[in-house]
């Protein structure tokens, strides 16, 4: 699990991702950020956080378009900012390839007490 994820207390100076950009888009404290996966022309990662409004653990996907000219590769955005996002669809209008991330993060979701389903 340690190789596949970044936990808040595991972040060091040599960590590939900082939790700060995800903290800005989450609605609470970020607990876990999975490693980014290139899907199409965008990087995606799975974020687990404690929702401050509902006081419960929840999750979402974050995405960005890699920009080779910038060291940080561009700004991370919430899945709701995806152009075809639609909360009324089972896949939320996001790429179906996100199933790869969903399946990869099963252990992290269980660790943080999230019920697992077959959803995207």
C-alpha atoms as a PDB file:
ATOM      1  CA  UNK A   1       0.000   0.000   0.000  1.00  0.00           C
ATOM      2  CA  UNK A   2       2.821   2.400   0.840  1.00  0.00           C
ATOM      3  CA  UNK A   3       4.148   2.184  -2.720  1.00  0.00           C
ATOM      4  CA  UNK A   4       0.758   2.916  -4.264  1.00  0.00           C
ATOM      5  CA  UNK A   5      -0.299   5.899  -2.223  1.00  0.00           C
ATOM      6  CA  UNK A   6       0.578   9.112  -0.512  1.00  0.00           C
ATOM      7  CA  UNK A   7      -0.706   9.462   3.024  1.00  0.00           C
ATOM      8  CA  UNK A   8      -0.639  12.793   4.800  1.00  0.00           C
ATOM      9  CA  UNK A   9       1.868  11.584   7.386  1.00  0.00           C
ATOM     10  CA  UNK A  10       4.071   9.911   4.746  1.00  0.00           C
ATOM     11  CA  UNK A  11       4.742  13.129   2.829  1.00  0.00           C
ATOM     12  CA  UNK A  12       8.370  14.114   2.823  1.00  0.00           C
ATOM     13  CA  UNK A  13      10.565  16.487   0.866  1.00  0.00           C
ATOM     14  CA  UNK A  14      11.136  13.829  -1.800  1.00  0.00           C
ATOM     15  CA  UNK A  15       7.425  12.972  -2.266  1.00  0.00           C
ATOM     16  CA  UNK A  16       6.263  13.236  -5.901  1.00  0.00           C
ATOM     17  CA  UNK A  17       2.991  14.984  -4.996  1.00  0.00           C
ATOM     18  CA  UNK A  18       2.067  17.531  -2.377  1.00  0.00           C
ATOM     19  CA  UNK A  19      -1.307  17.383  -0.643  1.00  0.00           C
ATOM     20  CA  UNK A  20      -1.622  21.181  -0.843  1.00  0.00           C
ATOM     21  CA  UNK A  21      -3.229  21.350  -4.327  1.00  0.00           C
ATOM     22  CA  UNK A  22      -5.729  18.673  -3.322  1.00  0.00           C
ATOM     23  CA  UNK A  23      -6.463  20.403  -0.031  1.00  0.00           C
ATOM     24  CA  UNK A  24      -7.548  23.452  -2.036  1.00  0.00           C
ATOM     25  CA  UNK A  25     -10.146  21.513  -4.049  1.00  0.00           C
ATOM     26  CA  UNK A  26     -11.342  19.111  -1.326  1.00  0.00           C
ATOM     27  CA  UNK A  27     -14.159  20.073   0.988  1.00  0.00           C
ATOM     28  CA  UNK A  28     -12.198  18.988   4.049  1.00  0.00           C
ATOM     29  CA  UNK A  29      -8.932  17.394   5.147  1.00  0.00           C
ATOM     30  CA  UNK A  30      -7.171  15.226   2.552  1.00  0.00           C
ATOM     31  CA  UNK A  31      -6.319  11.793   3.954  1.00  0.00           C
ATOM     32  CA  UNK A  32      -4.975   9.980   0.887  1.00  0.00           C
ATOM     33  CA  UNK A  33      -3.974  10.733  -2.696  1.00  0.00           C
ATOM     34  CA  UNK A  34      -3.332   7.824  -5.033  1.00  0.00           C
ATOM     35  CA  UNK A  35      -0.583   8.078  -7.637  1.00  0.00           C
ATOM     36  CA  UNK A  36      -1.558   9.867 -10.854  1.00  0.00           C
ATOM     37  CA  UNK A  37      -2.523   7.840 -13.906  1.00  0.00           C
ATOM     38  CA  UNK A  38      -2.369   9.195 -17.444  1.00  0.00           C
ATOM     39  CA  UNK A  39      -5.766   8.655 -19.065  1.00  0.00           C
ATOM     40  CA  UNK A  40      -5.948  10.155 -22.520  1.00  0.00           C
ATOM     41  CA  UNK A  41      -4.269  13.567 -22.400  1.00  0.00           C
ATOM     42  CA  UNK A  42      -4.959  14.120 -18.700  1.00  0.00           C
ATOM     43  CA  UNK A  43      -3.578  12.877 -15.401  1.00  0.00           C
ATOM     44  CA  UNK A  44      -6.126  11.591 -12.884  1.00  0.00           C
ATOM     45  CA  UNK A  45      -5.816  10.526  -9.267  1.00  0.00           C
ATOM     46  CA  UNK A  46      -8.131   9.245  -6.567  1.00  0.00           C
ATOM     47  CA  UNK A  47      -8.474  11.456  -3.460  1.00  0.00           C
ATOM     48  CA  UNK A  48      -9.889  10.400  -0.092  1.00  0.00           C
ATOM     49  CA  UNK A  49     -10.793  13.173   2.324  1.00  0.00           C
ATOM     50  CA  UNK A  50     -12.837  13.919   5.434  1.00  0.00           C
ATOM     51  CA  UNK A  51     -15.794  16.025   4.336  1.00  0.00           C
ATOM     52  CA  UNK A  52     -16.017  18.902   6.816  1.00  0.00           C
ATOM     53  CA  UNK A  53     -19.704  19.615   6.093  1.00  0.00           C
ATOM     54  CA  UNK A  54     -20.893  16.057   6.698  1.00  0.00           C
ATOM     55  CA  UNK A  55     -18.054  14.956   9.038  1.00  0.00           C
ATOM     56  CA  UNK A  56     -17.514  11.738   7.117  1.00  0.00           C
ATOM     57  CA  UNK A  57     -14.886  10.225   4.854  1.00  0.00           C
ATOM     58  CA  UNK A  58     -15.572  10.576   1.139  1.00  0.00           C
ATOM     59  CA  UNK A  59     -13.671  10.453  -2.155  1.00  0.00           C
ATOM     60  CA  UNK A  60     -13.403  12.067  -5.563  1.00  0.00           C
ATOM     61  CA  UNK A  61     -11.170  12.117  -8.618  1.00  0.00           C
ATOM     62  CA  UNK A  62      -8.825  14.976  -9.405  1.00  0.00           C
ATOM     63  CA  UNK A  63      -7.506  15.723 -12.884  1.00  0.00           C
ATOM     64  CA  UNK A  64      -5.116  18.029 -14.692  1.00  0.00           C
ATOM     65  CA  UNK A  65      -3.647  18.463 -18.121  1.00  0.00           C
ATOM     66  CA  UNK A  66       0.100  17.956 -17.868  1.00  0.00           C
ATOM     67  CA  UNK A  67       2.052  21.008 -18.946  1.00  0.00           C
ATOM     68  CA  UNK A  68       5.680  20.118 -19.679  1.00  0.00           C
ATOM     69  CA  UNK A  69       6.738  23.748 -19.337  1.00  0.00           C
ATOM     70  CA  UNK A  70       5.614  23.894 -15.685  1.00  0.00           C
ATOM     71  CA  UNK A  71       7.319  21.939 -12.956  1.00  0.00           C
ATOM     72  CA  UNK A  72       4.024  21.139 -11.208  1.00  0.00           C
ATOM     73  CA  UNK A  73       2.423  19.990 -14.474  1.00  0.00           C
ATOM     74  CA  UNK A  74      -0.591  22.266 -14.179  1.00  0.00           C
ATOM     75  CA  UNK A  75      -3.312  22.836 -11.630  1.00  0.00           C
ATOM     76  CA  UNK A  76      -5.306  19.935 -10.182  1.00  0.00           C
ATOM     77  CA  UNK A  77      -9.076  20.217 -10.525  1.00  0.00           C
ATOM     78  CA  UNK A  78     -12.036  18.471  -8.944  1.00  0.00           C
ATOM     79  CA  UNK A  79     -13.932  15.927 -11.072  1.00  0.00           C
ATOM     80  CA  UNK A  80     -16.890  18.352 -11.071  1.00  0.00           C
ATOM     81  CA  UNK A  81     -14.796  20.632 -13.297  1.00  0.00           C
ATOM     82  CA  UNK A  82     -14.539  17.966 -16.018  1.00  0.00           C
ATOM     83  CA  UNK A  83     -16.229  19.345 -19.185  1.00  0.00           C
ATOM     84  CA  UNK A  84     -18.763  16.507 -19.486  1.00  0.00           C
ATOM     85  CA  UNK A  85     -19.398  16.075 -15.743  1.00  0.00           C
ATOM     86  CA  UNK A  86     -22.990  15.105 -14.981  1.00  0.00           C
ATOM     87  CA  UNK A  87     -23.955  14.058 -11.446  1.00  0.00           C
ATOM     88  CA  UNK A  88     -27.043  12.296 -12.805  1.00  0.00           C
ATOM     89  CA  UNK A  89     -25.006   9.693 -14.686  1.00  0.00           C
ATOM     90  CA  UNK A  90     -23.554   6.580 -13.076  1.00  0.00           C
ATOM     91  CA  UNK A  91     -20.064   7.469 -14.367  1.00  0.00           C
ATOM     92  CA  UNK A  92     -20.605  11.194 -13.627  1.00  0.00           C
ATOM     93  CA  UNK A  93     -19.714  11.938 -17.237  1.00  0.00           C
ATOM     94  CA  UNK A  94     -16.032  11.233 -16.516  1.00  0.00           C
ATOM     95  CA  UNK A  95     -13.853   8.853 -18.558  1.00  0.00           C
ATOM     96  CA  UNK A  96     -14.812   5.206 -18.104  1.00  0.00           C
ATOM     97  CA  UNK A  97     -11.085   4.430 -17.868  1.00  0.00           C
ATOM     98  CA  UNK A  98     -11.195   5.759 -14.299  1.00  0.00           C
ATOM     99  CA  UNK A  99     -12.251   2.238 -13.375  1.00  0.00           C
ATOM    100  CA  UNK A 100      -8.508   1.453 -13.318  1.00  0.00           C
ATOM    101  CA  UNK A 101      -8.025   3.953 -10.485  1.00  0.00           C
ATOM    102  CA  UNK A 102     -11.137   2.778  -8.671  1.00  0.00           C
ATOM    103  CA  UNK A 103      -9.925  -0.834  -8.700  1.00  0.00           C
ATOM    104  CA  UNK A 104      -6.377   0.138  -7.727  1.00  0.00           C
ATOM    105  CA  UNK A 105      -7.571   2.101  -4.679  1.00  0.00           C
ATOM    106  CA  UNK A 106      -9.757  -0.628  -3.135  1.00  0.00           C
ATOM    107  CA  UNK A 107      -7.356  -1.132  -0.230  1.00  0.00           C
ATOM    108  CA  UNK A 108      -7.155   2.592   0.523  1.00  0.00           C
ATOM    109  CA  UNK A 109     -10.949   2.947   0.566  1.00  0.00           C
ATOM    110  CA  UNK A 110     -11.251   0.006   2.948  1.00  0.00           C
ATOM    111  CA  UNK A 111      -8.518   1.419   5.170  1.00  0.00           C
ATOM    112  CA  UNK A 112     -10.466   4.672   5.545  1.00  0.00           C
ATOM    113  CA  UNK A 113     -13.811   2.919   6.022  1.00  0.00           C
ATOM    114  CA  UNK A 114     -15.426   3.709   2.666  1.00  0.00           C
ATOM    115  CA  UNK A 115     -17.963   1.169   1.456  1.00  0.00           C
ATOM    116  CA  UNK A 116     -16.803  -0.392  -1.780  1.00  0.00           C
ATOM    117  CA  UNK A 117     -18.986  -0.761  -4.848  1.00  0.00           C
ATOM    118  CA  UNK A 118     -18.477  -1.489  -8.517  1.00  0.00           C
ATOM    119  CA  UNK A 119     -19.007   2.152  -9.471  1.00  0.00           C
ATOM    120  CA  UNK A 120     -16.581   4.415 -11.268  1.00  0.00           C
END
